[in-house]
C-alpha atoms as a PDB file:
ATOM      1  CA  UNK A   1      -0.087  -0.128   0.038  1.00  0.00           C
ATOM      2  CA  UNK A   2       1.498   3.484  -0.436  1.00  0.00           C
ATOM      3  CA  UNK A   3       2.576   5.615   1.568  1.00  0.00           C
ATOM      4  CA  UNK A   4       0.500   8.567   2.565  1.00  0.00           C
ATOM      5  CA  UNK A   5       2.364  12.273   1.917  1.00  0.00           C
ATOM      6  CA  UNK A   6       2.483  14.716   4.766  1.00  0.00           C
ATOM      7  CA  UNK A   7       0.657  17.921   3.882  1.00  0.00           C
ATOM      8  CA  UNK A   8       3.788  20.584   3.295  1.00  0.00           C
ATOM      9  CA  UNK A   9       3.469  23.194   4.869  1.00  0.00           C
ATOM     10  CA  UNK A  10       2.605  26.643   2.367  1.00  0.00           C
ATOM     11  CA  UNK A  11       5.411  28.770   1.835  1.00  0.00           C
ATOM     12  CA  UNK A  12       5.717  32.082   4.106  1.00  0.00           C
ATOM     13  CA  UNK A  13       4.033  34.821   1.712  1.00  0.00           C
ATOM     14  CA  UNK A  14       7.328  37.159   0.716  1.00  0.00           C
ATOM     15  CA  UNK A  15       7.388  40.194   3.587  1.00  0.00           C
ATOM     16  CA  UNK A  16       9.184  42.815   1.771  1.00  0.00           C
ATOM     17  CA  UNK A  17      11.132  45.631   3.848  1.00  0.00           C
ATOM     18  CA  UNK A  18      11.109  49.183   3.213  1.00  0.00           C
ATOM     19  CA  UNK A  19      14.433  50.356   1.197  1.00  0.00           C
ATOM     20  CA  UNK A  20      16.807  48.068  -0.304  1.00  0.00           C
ATOM     21  CA  UNK A  21      17.006  44.246   0.384  1.00  0.00           C
ATOM     22  CA  UNK A  22      21.098  43.757   2.038  1.00  0.00           C
ATOM     23  CA  UNK A  23      23.401  40.941   0.643  1.00  0.00           C
ATOM     24  CA  UNK A  24      23.761  37.502   2.400  1.00  0.00           C
ATOM     25  CA  UNK A  25      25.373  34.835   2.188  1.00  0.00           C
ATOM     26  CA  UNK A  26      24.331  32.697  -0.787  1.00  0.00           C
ATOM     27  CA  UNK A  27      22.532  29.912   1.642  1.00  0.00           C
ATOM     28  CA  UNK A  28      21.404  32.427   4.146  1.00  0.00           C
ATOM     29  CA  UNK A  29      17.985  33.159   4.585  1.00  0.00           C
ATOM     30  CA  UNK A  30      16.884  36.132   2.320  1.00  0.00           C
ATOM     31  CA  UNK A  31      16.623  39.394   4.669  1.00  0.00           C
ATOM     32  CA  UNK A  32      13.061  40.155   2.666  1.00  0.00           C
ATOM     33  CA  UNK A  33      11.272  37.756   5.107  1.00  0.00           C
ATOM     34  CA  UNK A  34       9.876  35.562   2.210  1.00  0.00           C
ATOM     35  CA  UNK A  35      11.056  32.492   4.153  1.00  0.00           C
ATOM     36  CA  UNK A  36      13.990  30.960   1.285  1.00  0.00           C
ATOM     37  CA  UNK A  37      17.564  31.621   0.593  1.00  0.00           C
ATOM     38  CA  UNK A  38      18.832  34.283  -0.354  1.00  0.00           C
ATOM     39  CA  UNK A  39      19.941  32.943  -3.345  1.00  0.00           C
ATOM     40  CA  UNK A  40      16.694  31.580  -4.831  1.00  0.00           C
ATOM     41  CA  UNK A  41      14.834  35.279  -3.740  1.00  0.00           C
ATOM     42  CA  UNK A  42      16.584  38.257  -4.152  1.00  0.00           C
ATOM     43  CA  UNK A  43      20.156  36.628  -4.686  1.00  0.00           C
ATOM     44  CA  UNK A  44      19.123  35.308  -8.370  1.00  0.00           C
ATOM     45  CA  UNK A  45      17.971  39.189  -9.747  1.00  0.00           C
ATOM     46  CA  UNK A  46      21.564  40.256  -8.262  1.00  0.00           C
ATOM     47  CA  UNK A  47      23.219  37.318  -9.628  1.00  0.00           C
ATOM     48  CA  UNK A  48      21.758  38.090 -13.062  1.00  0.00           C
ATOM     49  CA  UNK A  49      22.516  41.377 -13.124  1.00  0.00           C
ATOM     50  CA  UNK A  50      26.337  40.697 -12.001  1.00  0.00           C
ATOM     51  CA  UNK A  51      26.560  38.131 -14.728  1.00  0.00           C
ATOM     52  CA  UNK A  52      24.126  39.448 -17.854  1.00  0.00           C
ATOM     53  CA  UNK A  53      26.742  39.901 -20.573  1.00  0.00           C
ATOM     54  CA  UNK A  54      27.077  43.808 -22.332  1.00  0.00           C
ATOM     55  CA  UNK A  55      27.869  42.795 -25.696  1.00  0.00           C
ATOM     56  CA  UNK A  56      30.171  45.924 -27.124  1.00  0.00           C
ATOM     57  CA  UNK A  57      31.810  46.769 -23.060  1.00  0.00           C
ATOM     58  CA  UNK A  58      33.726  49.662 -24.860  1.00  0.00           C
ATOM     59  CA  UNK A  59      31.323  51.360 -26.656  1.00  0.00           C
ATOM     60  CA  UNK A  60      31.150  55.024 -26.177  1.00  0.00           C
ATOM     61  CA  UNK A  61      34.946  55.357 -25.452  1.00  0.00           C
ATOM     62  CA  UNK A  62      37.810  56.801 -27.364  1.00  0.00           C
ATOM     63  CA  UNK A  63      39.204  53.798 -29.459  1.00  0.00           C
ATOM     64  CA  UNK A  64      36.065  51.089 -28.920  1.00  0.00           C
ATOM     65  CA  UNK A  65      38.299  49.301 -31.814  1.00  0.00           C
ATOM     66  CA  UNK A  66      41.710  49.325 -29.990  1.00  0.00           C
ATOM     67  CA  UNK A  67      40.528  48.367 -26.845  1.00  0.00           C
ATOM     68  CA  UNK A  68      38.928  45.251 -28.391  1.00  0.00           C
ATOM     69  CA  UNK A  69      42.523  44.505 -29.396  1.00  0.00           C
ATOM     70  CA  UNK A  70      43.840  45.251 -26.606  1.00  0.00           C
ATOM     71  CA  UNK A  71      42.144  43.344 -24.514  1.00  0.00           C
ATOM     72  CA  UNK A  72      42.326  40.000 -27.269  1.00  0.00           C
ATOM     73  CA  UNK A  73      44.732  40.366 -29.941  1.00  0.00           C
ATOM     74  CA  UNK A  74      48.399  42.360 -28.531  1.00  0.00           C
ATOM     75  CA  UNK A  75      50.247  40.510 -26.246  1.00  0.00           C
ATOM     76  CA  UNK A  76      52.494  43.727 -24.706  1.00  0.00           C
ATOM     77  CA  UNK A  77      51.030  47.284 -25.486  1.00  0.00           C
ATOM     78  CA  UNK A  78      50.124  50.354 -22.953  1.00  0.00           C
ATOM     79  CA  UNK A  79      48.048  53.498 -23.338  1.00  0.00           C
ATOM     80  CA  UNK A  80      47.673  56.183 -21.268  1.00  0.00           C
ATOM     81  CA  UNK A  81      44.181  56.767 -19.907  1.00  0.00           C
ATOM     82  CA  UNK A  82      42.856  60.570 -18.835  1.00  0.00           C
ATOM     83  CA  UNK A  83      40.631  60.608 -15.911  1.00  0.00           C
ATOM     84  CA  UNK A  84      37.116  62.477 -16.213  1.00  0.00           C
ATOM     85  CA  UNK A  85      37.693  63.909 -13.060  1.00  0.00           C
ATOM     86  CA  UNK A  86      41.706  64.755 -12.745  1.00  0.00           C
ATOM     87  CA  UNK A  87      44.181  62.720 -11.363  1.00  0.00           C
ATOM     88  CA  UNK A  88      44.299  62.036  -7.538  1.00  0.00           C
ATOM     89  CA  UNK A  89      47.161  64.169  -6.138  1.00  0.00           C
ATOM     90  CA  UNK A  90      49.135  61.103  -5.395  1.00  0.00           C
ATOM     91  CA  UNK A  91      48.475  59.661  -8.542  1.00  0.00           C
ATOM     92  CA  UNK A  92      50.827  61.011 -11.075  1.00  0.00           C
ATOM     93  CA  UNK A  93      49.754  58.853 -13.837  1.00  0.00           C
ATOM     94  CA  UNK A  94      47.228  56.092 -15.109  1.00  0.00           C
ATOM     95  CA  UNK A  95      48.048  53.419 -17.825  1.00  0.00           C
ATOM     96  CA  UNK A  96      46.651  51.046 -19.450  1.00  0.00           C
ATOM     97  CA  UNK A  97      48.595  47.450 -20.617  1.00  0.00           C
ATOM     98  CA  UNK A  98      47.543  44.305 -21.619  1.00  0.00           C
ATOM     99  CA  UNK A  99      48.291  42.140 -19.559  1.00  0.00           C
ATOM    100  CA  UNK A 100      50.700  42.418 -15.759  1.00  0.00           C
ATOM    101  CA  UNK A 101      52.688  40.244 -13.651  1.00  0.00           C
ATOM    102  CA  UNK A 102      51.329  37.075 -11.917  1.00  0.00           C
ATOM    103  CA  UNK A 103      48.083  38.681 -14.562  1.00  0.00           C
ATOM    104  CA  UNK A 104      47.441  40.963 -11.645  1.00  0.00           C
ATOM    105  CA  UNK A 105      44.667  43.006 -11.983  1.00  0.00           C
ATOM    106  CA  UNK A 106      46.088  46.521 -11.281  1.00  0.00           C
ATOM    107  CA  UNK A 107      49.035  47.817  -8.841  1.00  0.00           C
ATOM    108  CA  UNK A 108      50.143  50.454  -7.994  1.00  0.00           C
ATOM    109  CA  UNK A 109      54.172  51.452  -8.588  1.00  0.00           C
ATOM    110  CA  UNK A 110      56.054  52.662  -5.520  1.00  0.00           C
ATOM    111  CA  UNK A 111      55.964  56.138  -6.949  1.00  0.00           C
ATOM    112  CA  UNK A 112      52.431  56.289  -6.995  1.00  0.00           C
ATOM    113  CA  UNK A 113      51.186  55.304 -10.538  1.00  0.00           C
ATOM    114  CA  UNK A 114      48.703  53.477 -11.749  1.00  0.00           C
ATOM    115  CA  UNK A 115      48.609  50.159 -14.380  1.00  0.00           C
ATOM    116  CA  UNK A 116      45.239  48.257 -15.087  1.00  0.00           C
ATOM    117  CA  UNK A 117      45.302  44.981 -16.656  1.00  0.00           C
ATOM    118  CA  UNK A 118      42.920  44.504 -19.774  1.00  0.00           C
ATOM    119  CA  UNK A 119      43.744  40.852 -20.420  1.00  0.00           C
ATOM    120  CA  UNK A 120      42.268  39.300 -17.006  1.00  0.00           C
ATOM    121  CA  UNK A 121      39.159  37.375 -16.187  1.00  0.00           C
ATOM    122  CA  UNK A 122      36.537  39.533 -14.656  1.00  0.00           C
ATOM    123  CA  UNK A 123      33.385  38.459 -12.165  1.00  0.00           C
ATOM    124  CA  UNK A 124      30.878  39.985 -14.587  1.00  0.00           C
ATOM    125  CA  UNK A 125      29.452  39.678 -18.030  1.00  0.00           C
ATOM    126  CA  UNK A 126      30.271  43.813 -18.380  1.00  0.00           C
ATOM    127  CA  UNK A 127      33.971  43.664 -18.952  1.00  0.00           C
ATOM    128  CA  UNK A 128      34.316  47.892 -18.449  1.00  0.00           C
ATOM    129  CA  UNK A 129      32.418  48.157 -15.107  1.00  0.00           C
ATOM    130  CA  UNK A 130      34.604  44.725 -14.183  1.00  0.00           C
ATOM    131  CA  UNK A 131      37.412  47.479 -15.226  1.00  0.00           C
ATOM    132  CA  UNK A 132      36.254  50.406 -13.647  1.00  0.00           C
ATOM    133  CA  UNK A 133      36.153  48.649 -10.392  1.00  0.00           C
ATOM    134  CA  UNK A 134      39.788  47.317 -10.800  1.00  0.00           C
ATOM    135  CA  UNK A 135      40.665  50.858 -11.817  1.00  0.00           C
ATOM    136  CA  UNK A 136      38.661  52.427  -8.650  1.00  0.00           C
ATOM    137  CA  UNK A 137      40.417  50.172  -5.825  1.00  0.00           C
ATOM    138  CA  UNK A 138      43.817  50.864  -7.638  1.00  0.00           C
ATOM    139  CA  UNK A 139      43.588  54.397  -6.776  1.00  0.00           C
ATOM    140  CA  UNK A 140      43.681  54.069  -3.188  1.00  0.00           C
ATOM    141  CA  UNK A 141      45.909  51.332  -2.889  1.00  0.00           C
ATOM    142  CA  UNK A 142      49.006  51.696  -0.960  1.00  0.00           C
ATOM    143  CA  UNK A 143      52.203  52.344  -3.564  1.00  0.00           C
ATOM    144  CA  UNK A 144      54.390  49.419  -4.293  1.00  0.00           C
ATOM    145  CA  UNK A 145      51.409  46.568  -4.204  1.00  0.00           C
ATOM    146  CA  UNK A 146      48.961  44.812  -6.585  1.00  0.00           C
ATOM    147  CA  UNK A 147      45.582  45.134  -6.435  1.00  0.00           C
ATOM    148  CA  UNK A 148      43.476  41.592  -5.855  1.00  0.00           C
ATOM    149  CA  UNK A 149      40.476  40.491  -7.937  1.00  0.00           C
ATOM    150  CA  UNK A 150      36.917  41.562  -6.980  1.00  0.00           C
ATOM    151  CA  UNK A 151      33.771  41.590  -7.821  1.00  0.00           C
ATOM    152  CA  UNK A 152      32.238  45.047  -8.467  1.00  0.00           C
ATOM    153  CA  UNK A 153      28.695  46.006  -7.479  1.00  0.00           C
ATOM    154  CA  UNK A 154      26.406  45.701 -10.153  1.00  0.00           C
ATOM    155  CA  UNK A 155      25.613  49.657 -10.566  1.00  0.00           C
ATOM    156  CA  UNK A 156      28.907  50.930  -9.974  1.00  0.00           C
ATOM    157  CA  UNK A 157      29.910  52.905 -12.474  1.00  0.00           C
ATOM    158  CA  UNK A 158      31.986  52.097 -16.377  1.00  0.00           C
ATOM    159  CA  UNK A 159      34.377  52.922 -18.073  1.00  0.00           C
ATOM    160  CA  UNK A 160      32.485  55.529 -19.794  1.00  0.00           C
ATOM    161  CA  UNK A 161      31.946  57.429 -16.339  1.00  0.00           C
ATOM    162  CA  UNK A 162      35.594  57.164 -14.987  1.00  0.00           C
ATOM    163  CA  UNK A 163      37.538  58.231 -18.184  1.00  0.00           C
ATOM    164  CA  UNK A 164      37.478  61.666 -20.252  1.00  0.00           C
ATOM    165  CA  UNK A 165      35.210  60.968 -23.180  1.00  0.00           C
ATOM    166  CA  UNK A 166      37.821  63.538 -25.589  1.00  0.00           C
ATOM    167  CA  UNK A 167      40.938  61.739 -24.736  1.00  0.00           C
ATOM    168  CA  UNK A 168      42.851  60.440 -27.247  1.00  0.00           C
ATOM    169  CA  UNK A 169      43.875  56.543 -27.062  1.00  0.00           C
ATOM    170  CA  UNK A 170      46.232  55.408 -29.138  1.00  0.00           C
ATOM    171  CA  UNK A 171      48.349  52.341 -28.245  1.00  0.00           C
ATOM    172  CA  UNK A 172      52.288  51.740 -27.777  1.00  0.00           C
ATOM    173  CA  UNK A 173      52.763  48.125 -29.131  1.00  0.00           C
ATOM    174  CA  UNK A 174      56.273  46.894 -27.244  1.00  0.00           C
ATOM    175  CA  UNK A 175      58.607  43.881 -28.859  1.00  0.00           C
ATOM    176  CA  UNK A 176      58.360  42.452 -24.665  1.00  0.00           C
ATOM    177  CA  UNK A 177      57.249  42.904 -20.761  1.00  0.00           C
ATOM    178  CA  UNK A 178      59.949  45.134 -20.017  1.00  0.00           C
ATOM    179  CA  UNK A 179      57.493  48.064 -19.713  1.00  0.00           C
ATOM    180  CA  UNK A 180      56.474  46.221 -16.409  1.00  0.00           C
ATOM    181  CA  UNK A 181      59.144  47.046 -14.283  1.00  0.00           C
ATOM    182  CA  UNK A 182      60.843  51.053 -14.243  1.00  0.00           C
ATOM    183  CA  UNK A 183      63.988  48.892 -14.529  1.00  0.00           C
ATOM    184  CA  UNK A 184      63.766  46.200 -16.488  1.00  0.00           C
ATOM    185  CA  UNK A 185      67.811  45.922 -17.643  1.00  0.00           C
ATOM    186  CA  UNK A 186      69.314  45.569 -14.051  1.00  0.00           C
ATOM    187  CA  UNK A 187      65.873  42.830 -13.387  1.00  0.00           C
ATOM    188  CA  UNK A 188      67.310  39.674 -11.542  1.00  0.00           C
ATOM    189  CA  UNK A 189      66.317  36.125 -10.367  1.00  0.00           C
ATOM    190  CA  UNK A 190      63.074  34.850 -11.021  1.00  0.00           C
ATOM    191  CA  UNK A 191      62.181  37.844 -12.075  1.00  0.00           C
ATOM    192  CA  UNK A 192      63.921  38.344 -14.755  1.00  0.00           C
ATOM    193  CA  UNK A 193      63.112  34.771 -15.586  1.00  0.00           C
ATOM    194  CA  UNK A 194      59.695  35.155 -15.179  1.00  0.00           C
ATOM    195  CA  UNK A 195      60.505  38.145 -18.216  1.00  0.00           C
ATOM    196  CA  UNK A 196      62.373  36.072 -20.611  1.00  0.00           C
ATOM    197  CA  UNK A 197      59.471  33.758 -20.343  1.00  0.00           C
ATOM    198  CA  UNK A 198      56.926  36.319 -21.141  1.00  0.00           C
ATOM    199  CA  UNK A 199      58.863  37.658 -24.146  1.00  0.00           C
ATOM    200  CA  UNK A 200      58.985  34.593 -25.357  1.00  0.00           C
ATOM    201  CA  UNK A 201      55.770  33.677 -25.305  1.00  0.00           C
ATOM    202  CA  UNK A 202      54.654  36.953 -26.998  1.00  0.00           C
ATOM    203  CA  UNK A 203      53.985  37.148 -30.882  1.00  0.00           C
ATOM    204  CA  UNK A 204      55.708  40.342 -32.800  1.00  0.00           C
ATOM    205  CA  UNK A 205      53.227  42.219 -33.116  1.00  0.00           C
ATOM    206  CA  UNK A 206      52.496  46.142 -34.815  1.00  0.00           C
ATOM    207  CA  UNK A 207      49.653  48.641 -35.139  1.00  0.00           C
ATOM    208  CA  UNK A 208      49.797  50.354 -38.723  1.00  0.00           C
ATOM    209  CA  UNK A 209      50.034  53.420 -38.253  1.00  0.00           C
ATOM    210  CA  UNK A 210      47.768  54.527 -41.846  1.00  0.00           C
ATOM    211  CA  UNK A 211      44.089  52.754 -40.604  1.00  0.00           C
ATOM    212  CA  UNK A 212      42.645  52.273 -37.313  1.00  0.00           C
ATOM    213  CA  UNK A 213      43.163  49.019 -34.703  1.00  0.00           C
ATOM    214  CA  UNK A 214      44.596  46.631 -37.607  1.00  0.00           C
ATOM    215  CA  UNK A 215      47.869  44.739 -36.459  1.00  0.00           C
ATOM    216  CA  UNK A 216      50.348  42.701 -38.174  1.00  0.00           C
ATOM    217  CA  UNK A 217      51.666  40.056 -36.300  1.00  0.00           C
ATOM    218  CA  UNK A 218      54.263  37.304 -37.666  1.00  0.00           C
ATOM    219  CA  UNK A 219      53.914  33.681 -36.653  1.00  0.00           C
ATOM    220  CA  UNK A 220      55.998  30.850 -37.237  1.00  0.00           C
ATOM    221  CA  UNK A 221      54.079  29.923 -41.088  1.00  0.00           C
ATOM    222  CA  UNK A 222      52.891  32.669 -41.989  1.00  0.00           C
ATOM    223  CA  UNK A 223      51.585  36.425 -41.166  1.00  0.00           C
ATOM    224  CA  UNK A 224      48.345  37.886 -40.505  1.00  0.00           C
ATOM    225  CA  UNK A 225      46.916  41.451 -40.207  1.00  0.00           C
ATOM    226  CA  UNK A 226      43.780  41.349 -37.416  1.00  0.00           C
ATOM    227  CA  UNK A 227      41.650  44.761 -38.026  1.00  0.00           C
ATOM    228  CA  UNK A 228      39.293  45.467 -35.781  1.00  0.00           C
ATOM    229  CA  UNK A 229      36.223  47.759 -37.301  1.00  0.00           C
ATOM    230  CA  UNK A 230      33.449  49.704 -35.887  1.00  0.00           C
ATOM    231  CA  UNK A 231      30.713  48.932 -38.793  1.00  0.00           C
ATOM    232  CA  UNK A 232      27.679  47.241 -38.156  1.00  0.00           C
ATOM    233  CA  UNK A 233      27.982  43.232 -38.772  1.00  0.00           C
ATOM    234  CA  UNK A 234      25.676  43.456 -42.113  1.00  0.00           C
ATOM    235  CA  UNK A 235      26.533  46.299 -43.373  1.00  0.00           C
ATOM    236  CA  UNK A 236      30.351  45.179 -43.375  1.00  0.00           C
ATOM    237  CA  UNK A 237      29.343  41.426 -44.214  1.00  0.00           C
ATOM    238  CA  UNK A 238      27.719  42.883 -47.630  1.00  0.00           C
ATOM    239  CA  UNK A 239      30.762  45.223 -48.134  1.00  0.00           C
ATOM    240  CA  UNK A 240      32.873  43.099 -47.754  1.00  0.00           C
ATOM    241  CA  UNK A 241      31.586  39.473 -49.630  1.00  0.00           C
ATOM    242  CA  UNK A 242      31.400  42.967 -52.571  1.00  0.00           C
ATOM    243  CA  UNK A 243      35.285  43.163 -52.091  1.00  0.00           C
ATOM    244  CA  UNK A 244      35.551  39.180 -52.188  1.00  0.00           C
ATOM    245  CA  UNK A 245      33.146  38.323 -55.311  1.00  0.00           C
ATOM    246  CA  UNK A 246      35.083  41.344 -57.468  1.00  0.00           C
ATOM    247  CA  UNK A 247      38.923  40.019 -56.729  1.00  0.00           C
ATOM    248  CA  UNK A 248      39.294  43.017 -54.533  1.00  0.00           C
ATOM    249  CA  UNK A 249      39.678  41.716 -51.068  1.00  0.00           C
ATOM    250  CA  UNK A 250      43.358  40.828 -50.852  1.00  0.00           C
ATOM    251  CA  UNK A 251      45.960  43.052 -49.364  1.00  0.00           C
ATOM    252  CA  UNK A 252      48.696  42.491 -52.654  1.00  0.00           C
ATOM    253  CA  UNK A 253      49.776  39.842 -53.982  1.00  0.00           C
ATOM    254  CA  UNK A 254      49.881  36.663 -52.117  1.00  0.00           C
ATOM    255  CA  UNK A 255      47.950  37.590 -49.198  1.00  0.00           C
ATOM    256  CA  UNK A 256      44.025  36.788 -48.940  1.00  0.00           C
ATOM    257  CA  UNK A 257      41.142  37.555 -46.553  1.00  0.00           C
ATOM    258  CA  UNK A 258      40.309  34.794 -44.752  1.00  0.00           C
ATOM    259  CA  UNK A 259      37.410  35.445 -42.530  1.00  0.00           C
ATOM    260  CA  UNK A 260      36.995  37.312 -39.313  1.00  0.00           C
ATOM    261  CA  UNK A 261      35.555  36.516 -35.715  1.00  0.00           C
ATOM    262  CA  UNK A 262      33.545  38.888 -33.427  1.00  0.00           C
ATOM    263  CA  UNK A 263      35.495  40.072 -29.930  1.00  0.00           C
ATOM    264  CA  UNK A 264      33.100  42.600 -27.517  1.00  0.00           C
ATOM    265  CA  UNK A 265      30.424  42.575 -30.775  1.00  0.00           C
ATOM    266  CA  UNK A 266      33.148  44.029 -33.219  1.00  0.00           C
ATOM    267  CA  UNK A 267      34.051  42.480 -36.173  1.00  0.00           C
ATOM    268  CA  UNK A 268      37.467  41.365 -37.158  1.00  0.00           C
ATOM    269  CA  UNK A 269      38.564  40.470 -40.248  1.00  0.00           C
ATOM    270  CA  UNK A 270      41.526  38.922 -40.635  1.00  0.00           C
ATOM    271  CA  UNK A 271      44.441  38.602 -44.056  1.00  0.00           C
ATOM    272  CA  UNK A 272      46.833  35.835 -44.287  1.00  0.00           C
ATOM    273  CA  UNK A 273      50.291  37.395 -45.656  1.00  0.00           C
ATOM    274  CA  UNK A 274      53.484  36.267 -47.226  1.00  0.00           C
ATOM    275  CA  UNK A 275      55.693  35.346 -43.896  1.00  0.00           C
ATOM    276  CA  UNK A 276      58.009  38.298 -45.886  1.00  0.00           C
ATOM    277  CA  UNK A 277      55.802  40.687 -45.581  1.00  0.00           C
ATOM    278  CA  UNK A 278      56.322  43.408 -43.105  1.00  0.00           C
ATOM    279  CA  UNK A 279      54.317  45.973 -41.482  1.00  0.00           C
ATOM    280  CA  UNK A 280      55.440  48.689 -42.951  1.00  0.00           C
ATOM    281  CA  UNK A 281      54.882  46.705 -46.488  1.00  0.00           C
ATOM    282  CA  UNK A 282      50.556  46.122 -44.785  1.00  0.00           C
ATOM    283  CA  UNK A 283      50.788  50.262 -44.821  1.00  0.00           C
ATOM    284  CA  UNK A 284      50.098  51.442 -48.459  1.00  0.00           C
ATOM    285  CA  UNK A 285      47.485  47.877 -49.135  1.00  0.00           C
ATOM    286  CA  UNK A 286      45.537  48.532 -46.499  1.00  0.00           C
ATOM    287  CA  UNK A 287      44.863  52.041 -46.787  1.00  0.00           C
ATOM    288  CA  UNK A 288      44.099  50.807 -50.565  1.00  0.00           C
ATOM    289  CA  UNK A 289      41.492  48.229 -49.029  1.00  0.00           C
ATOM    290  CA  UNK A 290      40.137  51.060 -46.815  1.00  0.00           C
ATOM    291  CA  UNK A 291      38.786  53.390 -49.515  1.00  0.00           C
ATOM    292  CA  UNK A 292      37.581  50.288 -51.190  1.00  0.00           C
ATOM    293  CA  UNK A 293      35.518  49.263 -47.728  1.00  0.00           C
ATOM    294  CA  UNK A 294      34.086  52.922 -48.083  1.00  0.00           C
ATOM    295  CA  UNK A 295      32.638  52.995 -51.546  1.00  0.00           C
ATOM    296  CA  UNK A 296      31.231  48.835 -50.550  1.00  0.00           C
ATOM    297  CA  UNK A 297      30.097  50.470 -47.404  1.00  0.00           C
ATOM    298  CA  UNK A 298      28.238  53.244 -48.742  1.00  0.00           C
ATOM    299  CA  UNK A 299      26.035  51.070 -51.468  1.00  0.00           C
ATOM    300  CA  UNK A 300      22.888  50.047 -51.010  1.00  0.00           C
ATOM    301  CA  UNK A 301      22.006  47.944 -53.688  1.00  0.00           C
ATOM    302  CA  UNK A 302      21.266  43.946 -53.279  1.00  0.00           C
ATOM    303  CA  UNK A 303      23.879  41.491 -53.456  1.00  0.00           C
ATOM    304  CA  UNK A 304      24.078  39.976 -56.695  1.00  0.00           C
ATOM    305  CA  UNK A 305      24.495  35.216 -56.861  1.00  0.00           C
ATOM    306  CA  UNK A 306      28.420  35.938 -56.736  1.00  0.00           C
ATOM    307  CA  UNK A 307      27.943  38.134 -54.125  1.00  0.00           C
ATOM    308  CA  UNK A 308      25.802  36.046 -51.885  1.00  0.00           C
ATOM    309  CA  UNK A 309      27.915  33.184 -52.325  1.00  0.00           C
ATOM    310  CA  UNK A 310      30.222  35.176 -51.531  1.00  0.00           C
ATOM    311  CA  UNK A 311      29.604  35.984 -48.044  1.00  0.00           C
ATOM    312  CA  UNK A 312      28.101  32.834 -47.175  1.00  0.00           C
ATOM    313  CA  UNK A 313      31.582  31.690 -47.356  1.00  0.00           C
ATOM    314  CA  UNK A 314      32.422  34.298 -44.916  1.00  0.00           C
ATOM    315  CA  UNK A 315      30.154  33.389 -42.792  1.00  0.00           C
ATOM    316  CA  UNK A 316      30.754  30.390 -42.740  1.00  0.00           C
ATOM    317  CA  UNK A 317      34.664  31.046 -41.658  1.00  0.00           C
ATOM    318  CA  UNK A 318      33.260  33.237 -39.524  1.00  0.00           C
ATOM    319  CA  UNK A 319      33.486  32.504 -34.916  1.00  0.00           C
ATOM    320  CA  UNK A 320      32.589  34.873 -31.589  1.00  0.00           C
ATOM    321  CA  UNK A 321      35.279  35.322 -29.226  1.00  0.00           C
ATOM    322  CA  UNK A 322      32.997  36.974 -26.990  1.00  0.00           C
END
């Protein structure tokens, strides 16, 4: 005979309190009085707010395309940052770096200068808010100390709130990571060994000067040009398809557009280059391609059959990094 189940008591009705519900441990009773654990009640909304992915975290910042490149493409680079409210008296400068020693989110040098790393794991789905939180904490960190990882408040400021909206953003690409140290030439012991390992792993990379956010890099087999572009994806794909179908998508002899990837809401077309083609030799072909692309972007004529096939081929070779 089946055993009767005991009647289950009714869950207590939520007893909402005025004002914000404080944050408690995930398994603790929710302070709102619902009788449920925090993680199943108000903590659920807080977790969703903290993890919701922002597709274009750098949108609205000067140099959005270069922000994406420094996050995803460039091994070693730095950019001075300008704060909207100016620097604190005891902070001589703030610098964005691709990566810092020990993958620290940020560090405060002995002289008070701040460096923030952009290539770090983040605690939420909004990279801009996470980096802004690291920057704010770095400004008040004791000189000579790294800034530990942490979780930004869901309603905390973003980079767009902290940085001057009209300041230039021009990365300086370095051959290695000597920028980590004020006196890298005299580094010894484990510090010198760590620097040597980092330098050995970095692919030679250069930023083209004639176009925005285009980065040449050398690999053992061939060279590449990866170009972060700000155009809406549909329009850019159509423009690339028009050029590809017309045989005008290459950057010169023995080069070819091989595909693209998405990163932080932007598209990054990629070209294969001959191993002997230097960054300097990319400048004129890239500038000429930018002119052809501008013309193709301005066209609203429906794609031809050949152009549709070209677009399909480019789309099949597209991946998403973030």
